[in-house]
Amino acid sequence: MLVEAEDLANLFFADDPFTHQATQPRTLCGASTVIPTLEDGHHAITSAIVQIDPSSPPTWARSTKRVYRLGKPTGPAQMTIHKLAESKGVAPWRRADPKELEEYAHLTGHPLESIDRVEHLLLILHRSGYLSREEAVKLHVAYCREIKA
């Protein structure tokens, strides 16, 4: 029973082909939700996975520290954005302000009323010179396809 479970959405195995290196033992990582010590959307990595739901797709996993309810797997564009942000030490510490929304709309050609954490990371990576406009737009388009799927 998952009464004690914390939600952790958008998980994938950390030794997924989109990551830079395999981890031993197996862990899960992704964007967290409803974890009291983390802001929603924060990139998180679990402790070692000791059991996983045998159904397909799995709906839960047990680590050495807690049980997680699994959400939609993270797509390659989102993982690329998270990994680049992590490698460069980039993280948004607040919600995007109106000026940043305008800047994101100018960058991508898509005006939005708000942007999520991944889109904010993309904007910061571009603004900091880690992504060209072309790279940022390609990642934006791929990310939009992932979240609509």
C-alpha atoms as a PDB file:
ATOM      1  CA  MET A   1       0.000   0.000   0.000  1.00  0.00           C
ATOM      2  CA  LEU A   2       1.341   3.473  -0.907  1.00  0.00           C
ATOM      3  CA  VAL A   3      -0.064   5.389   2.057  1.00  0.00           C
ATOM      4  CA  GLU A   4       3.449   6.499   3.045  1.00  0.00           C
ATOM      5  CA  ALA A   5       4.510   7.279  -0.517  1.00  0.00           C
ATOM      6  CA  GLU A   6       5.742  10.699  -1.549  1.00  0.00           C
ATOM      7  CA  ASP A   7       4.868  11.760  -5.110  1.00  0.00           C
ATOM      8  CA  LEU A   8       7.801  11.953  -7.462  1.00  0.00           C
ATOM      9  CA  ALA A   9       6.635  12.668 -11.000  1.00  0.00           C
ATOM     10  CA  ASN A  10       8.551  12.362 -14.257  1.00  0.00           C
ATOM     11  CA  LEU A  11      11.037   9.747 -13.090  1.00  0.00           C
ATOM     12  CA  PHE A  12      13.480   7.756 -15.169  1.00  0.00           C
ATOM     13  CA  PHE A  13      16.304   5.407 -14.294  1.00  0.00           C
ATOM     14  CA  ALA A  14      19.536   7.294 -13.782  1.00  0.00           C
ATOM     15  CA  ASP A  15      21.363   4.802 -16.014  1.00  0.00           C
ATOM     16  CA  ASP A  16      19.006   5.707 -18.867  1.00  0.00           C
ATOM     17  CA  PRO A  17      20.827   6.267 -22.209  1.00  0.00           C
ATOM     18  CA  PHE A  18      20.191  10.026 -21.989  1.00  0.00           C
ATOM     19  CA  THR A  19      22.388  10.408 -18.925  1.00  0.00           C
ATOM     20  CA  HIS A  20      26.131  10.797 -19.070  1.00  0.00           C
ATOM     21  CA  GLN A  21      27.037   7.815 -16.945  1.00  0.00           C
ATOM     22  CA  ALA A  22      25.456   4.736 -15.430  1.00  0.00           C
ATOM     23  CA  THR A  23      25.020   4.582 -11.690  1.00  0.00           C
ATOM     24  CA  GLN A  24      25.384   1.554  -9.468  1.00  0.00           C
ATOM     25  CA  PRO A  25      23.224   0.716  -7.647  1.00  0.00           C
ATOM     26  CA  ARG A  26      20.226   1.769  -9.748  1.00  0.00           C
ATOM     27  CA  THR A  27      18.547   5.005  -8.745  1.00  0.00           C
ATOM     28  CA  LEU A  28      15.699   7.064 -10.156  1.00  0.00           C
ATOM     29  CA  CYS A  29      15.794  10.738 -10.901  1.00  0.00           C
ATOM     30  CA  GLY A  30      13.397  13.313 -12.217  1.00  0.00           C
ATOM     31  CA  ALA A  31      11.261  16.292 -11.328  1.00  0.00           C
ATOM     32  CA  SER A  32       9.824  16.037  -7.824  1.00  0.00           C
ATOM     33  CA  THR A  33       6.358  16.958  -6.651  1.00  0.00           C
ATOM     34  CA  VAL A  34       4.838  16.938  -3.165  1.00  0.00           C
ATOM     35  CA  ILE A  35       8.095  16.343  -1.325  1.00  0.00           C
ATOM     36  CA  PRO A  36       8.116  18.683   1.695  1.00  0.00           C
ATOM     37  CA  THR A  37      11.851  19.386   1.562  1.00  0.00           C
ATOM     38  CA  LEU A  38      11.941  20.163  -2.184  1.00  0.00           C
ATOM     39  CA  GLU A  39      10.306  22.772  -4.396  1.00  0.00           C
ATOM     40  CA  ASP A  40       7.964  21.190  -6.966  1.00  0.00           C
ATOM     41  CA  GLY A  41       9.820  20.565 -10.205  1.00  0.00           C
ATOM     42  CA  HIS A  42      13.205  20.307  -8.464  1.00  0.00           C
ATOM     43  CA  HIS A  43      15.532  17.719 -10.018  1.00  0.00           C
ATOM     44  CA  ALA A  44      15.888  14.877  -7.516  1.00  0.00           C
ATOM     45  CA  ILE A  45      17.757  11.557  -7.313  1.00  0.00           C
ATOM     46  CA  THR A  46      16.560   8.712  -5.089  1.00  0.00           C
ATOM     47  CA  SER A  47      18.603   6.444  -2.882  1.00  0.00           C
ATOM     48  CA  ALA A  48      19.213   2.920  -4.263  1.00  0.00           C
ATOM     49  CA  ILE A  49      16.109   1.260  -5.714  1.00  0.00           C
ATOM     50  CA  VAL A  50      15.419  -2.054  -3.969  1.00  0.00           C
ATOM     51  CA  GLN A  51      12.044  -2.939  -5.505  1.00  0.00           C
ATOM     52  CA  ILE A  52       9.969  -1.774  -8.462  1.00  0.00           C
ATOM     53  CA  ASP A  53       6.378  -2.442  -9.482  1.00  0.00           C
ATOM     54  CA  PRO A  54       6.408  -5.384 -11.935  1.00  0.00           C
ATOM     55  CA  SER A  55       3.481  -4.003 -13.951  1.00  0.00           C
ATOM     56  CA  SER A  56       4.093  -2.217 -17.225  1.00  0.00           C
ATOM     57  CA  PRO A  57       4.541   0.670 -16.962  1.00  0.00           C
ATOM     58  CA  PRO A  58       5.555   0.584 -13.300  1.00  0.00           C
ATOM     59  CA  THR A  59       3.529   2.828 -10.993  1.00  0.00           C
ATOM     60  CA  TRP A  60       5.756   2.719  -7.897  1.00  0.00           C
ATOM     61  CA  ALA A  61       9.306   2.042  -6.778  1.00  0.00           C
ATOM     62  CA  ARG A  62      10.832   1.479  -3.339  1.00  0.00           C
ATOM     63  CA  SER A  63      14.223   2.915  -2.506  1.00  0.00           C
ATOM     64  CA  THR A  64      16.228   2.277   0.626  1.00  0.00           C
ATOM     65  CA  LYS A  65      14.600   5.389   2.159  1.00  0.00           C
ATOM     66  CA  ARG A  66      10.992   5.654   0.858  1.00  0.00           C
ATOM     67  CA  VAL A  67       8.350   4.545  -1.627  1.00  0.00           C
ATOM     68  CA  TYR A  68       7.724   6.668  -4.721  1.00  0.00           C
ATOM     69  CA  ARG A  69       4.660   6.878  -6.920  1.00  0.00           C
ATOM     70  CA  LEU A  70       5.964   7.069 -10.483  1.00  0.00           C
ATOM     71  CA  GLY A  71       4.727   9.573 -13.033  1.00  0.00           C
ATOM     72  CA  LYS A  72       5.326  10.096 -16.716  1.00  0.00           C
ATOM     73  CA  PRO A  73       8.940   9.368 -17.745  1.00  0.00           C
ATOM     74  CA  THR A  74      11.168  12.343 -18.436  1.00  0.00           C
ATOM     75  CA  GLY A  75      11.768  12.939 -22.132  1.00  0.00           C
ATOM     76  CA  PRO A  76      15.173  13.467 -23.740  1.00  0.00           C
ATOM     77  CA  ALA A  77      14.751  17.241 -24.219  1.00  0.00           C
ATOM     78  CA  GLN A  78      13.775  17.780 -20.589  1.00  0.00           C
ATOM     79  CA  MET A  79      16.650  15.585 -19.432  1.00  0.00           C
ATOM     80  CA  THR A  80      19.089  17.484 -21.664  1.00  0.00           C
ATOM     81  CA  ILE A  81      17.940  20.787 -20.152  1.00  0.00           C
ATOM     82  CA  HIS A  82      18.192  19.454 -16.577  1.00  0.00           C
ATOM     83  CA  LYS A  83      21.609  17.863 -17.112  1.00  0.00           C
ATOM     84  CA  LEU A  84      23.059  20.977 -18.764  1.00  0.00           C
ATOM     85  CA  ALA A  85      21.653  23.181 -15.997  1.00  0.00           C
ATOM     86  CA  GLU A  86      23.058  20.848 -13.353  1.00  0.00           C
ATOM     87  CA  SER A  87      26.501  20.751 -15.019  1.00  0.00           C
ATOM     88  CA  LYS A  88      26.610  24.571 -15.205  1.00  0.00           C
ATOM     89  CA  GLY A  89      25.223  25.133 -11.702  1.00  0.00           C
ATOM     90  CA  VAL A  90      22.144  26.882 -13.082  1.00  0.00           C
ATOM     91  CA  ALA A  91      18.873  26.842 -11.146  1.00  0.00           C
ATOM     92  CA  PRO A  92      15.921  29.210 -10.911  1.00  0.00           C
ATOM     93  CA  TRP A  93      15.301  30.210  -7.294  1.00  0.00           C
ATOM     94  CA  ARG A  94      11.986  31.955  -7.941  1.00  0.00           C
ATOM     95  CA  ARG A  95       9.155  32.093 -10.437  1.00  0.00           C
ATOM     96  CA  ALA A  96       9.798  33.862 -13.729  1.00  0.00           C
ATOM     97  CA  ASP A  97       8.910  37.558 -13.615  1.00  0.00           C
ATOM     98  CA  PRO A  98       6.995  39.424 -16.379  1.00  0.00           C
ATOM     99  CA  LYS A  99      10.245  40.600 -18.005  1.00  0.00           C
ATOM    100  CA  GLU A 100      11.469  36.992 -18.229  1.00  0.00           C
ATOM    101  CA  LEU A 101       8.126  35.882 -19.710  1.00  0.00           C
ATOM    102  CA  GLU A 102       8.547  38.546 -22.389  1.00  0.00           C
ATOM    103  CA  GLU A 103      12.150  37.450 -22.964  1.00  0.00           C
ATOM    104  CA  TYR A 104      11.087  33.793 -23.297  1.00  0.00           C
ATOM    105  CA  ALA A 105       8.350  34.746 -25.777  1.00  0.00           C
ATOM    106  CA  HIS A 106      10.922  36.704 -27.815  1.00  0.00           C
ATOM    107  CA  LEU A 107      13.366  33.768 -27.705  1.00  0.00           C
ATOM    108  CA  THR A 108      10.885  31.053 -28.709  1.00  0.00           C
ATOM    109  CA  GLY A 109       8.254  33.023 -30.605  1.00  0.00           C
ATOM    110  CA  HIS A 110       5.597  31.675 -28.242  1.00  0.00           C
ATOM    111  CA  PRO A 111       4.031  34.139 -25.787  1.00  0.00           C
ATOM    112  CA  LEU A 112       3.020  32.436 -22.541  1.00  0.00           C
ATOM    113  CA  GLU A 113       1.223  33.588 -19.406  1.00  0.00           C
ATOM    114  CA  SER A 114       3.686  31.586 -17.323  1.00  0.00           C
ATOM    115  CA  ILE A 115       6.626  29.270 -17.831  1.00  0.00           C
ATOM    116  CA  ASP A 116       7.422  26.121 -15.903  1.00  0.00           C
ATOM    117  CA  ARG A 117      10.720  25.280 -14.220  1.00  0.00           C
ATOM    118  CA  VAL A 118      12.152  23.551 -17.310  1.00  0.00           C
ATOM    119  CA  GLU A 119      11.324  26.531 -19.534  1.00  0.00           C
ATOM    120  CA  HIS A 120      12.849  28.861 -16.929  1.00  0.00           C
ATOM    121  CA  LEU A 121      16.029  26.754 -16.930  1.00  0.00           C
ATOM    122  CA  LEU A 122      16.106  26.968 -20.718  1.00  0.00           C
ATOM    123  CA  LEU A 123      15.821  30.758 -20.582  1.00  0.00           C
ATOM    124  CA  ILE A 124      18.593  31.055 -17.973  1.00  0.00           C
ATOM    125  CA  LEU A 125      20.866  28.708 -19.956  1.00  0.00           C
ATOM    126  CA  HIS A 126      20.375  30.828 -23.074  1.00  0.00           C
ATOM    127  CA  ARG A 127      20.793  34.132 -21.214  1.00  0.00           C
ATOM    128  CA  SER A 128      24.001  32.830 -19.604  1.00  0.00           C
ATOM    129  CA  GLY A 129      25.478  31.904 -22.985  1.00  0.00           C
ATOM    130  CA  TYR A 130      25.364  28.127 -22.480  1.00  0.00           C
ATOM    131  CA  LEU A 131      22.846  27.687 -25.334  1.00  0.00           C
ATOM    132  CA  SER A 132      22.624  29.553 -28.615  1.00  0.00           C
ATOM    133  CA  ARG A 133      19.238  30.867 -29.699  1.00  0.00           C
ATOM    134  CA  GLU A 134      18.997  28.042 -32.238  1.00  0.00           C
ATOM    135  CA  GLU A 135      19.789  25.376 -29.603  1.00  0.00           C
ATOM    136  CA  ALA A 136      17.304  26.907 -27.145  1.00  0.00           C
ATOM    137  CA  VAL A 137      14.529  26.985 -29.752  1.00  0.00           C
ATOM    138  CA  LYS A 138      15.187  23.353 -30.757  1.00  0.00           C
ATOM    139  CA  LEU A 139      15.036  22.257 -27.117  1.00  0.00           C
ATOM    140  CA  HIS A 140      11.891  24.343 -26.547  1.00  0.00           C
ATOM    141  CA  VAL A 141      10.116  22.699 -29.507  1.00  0.00           C
ATOM    142  CA  ALA A 142      11.196  19.197 -28.430  1.00  0.00           C
ATOM    143  CA  TYR A 143      10.176  19.872 -24.815  1.00  0.00           C
ATOM    144  CA  CYS A 144       6.741  21.123 -25.920  1.00  0.00           C
ATOM    145  CA  ARG A 145       6.234  17.902 -27.898  1.00  0.00           C
ATOM    146  CA  GLU A 146       7.231  15.828 -24.856  1.00  0.00           C
ATOM    147  CA  ILE A 147       4.825  17.470 -22.449  1.00  0.00           C
ATOM    148  CA  LYS A 148       1.928  17.231 -24.914  1.00  0.00           C
ATOM    149  CA  ALA A 149       2.525  13.495 -25.522  1.00  0.00           C
END
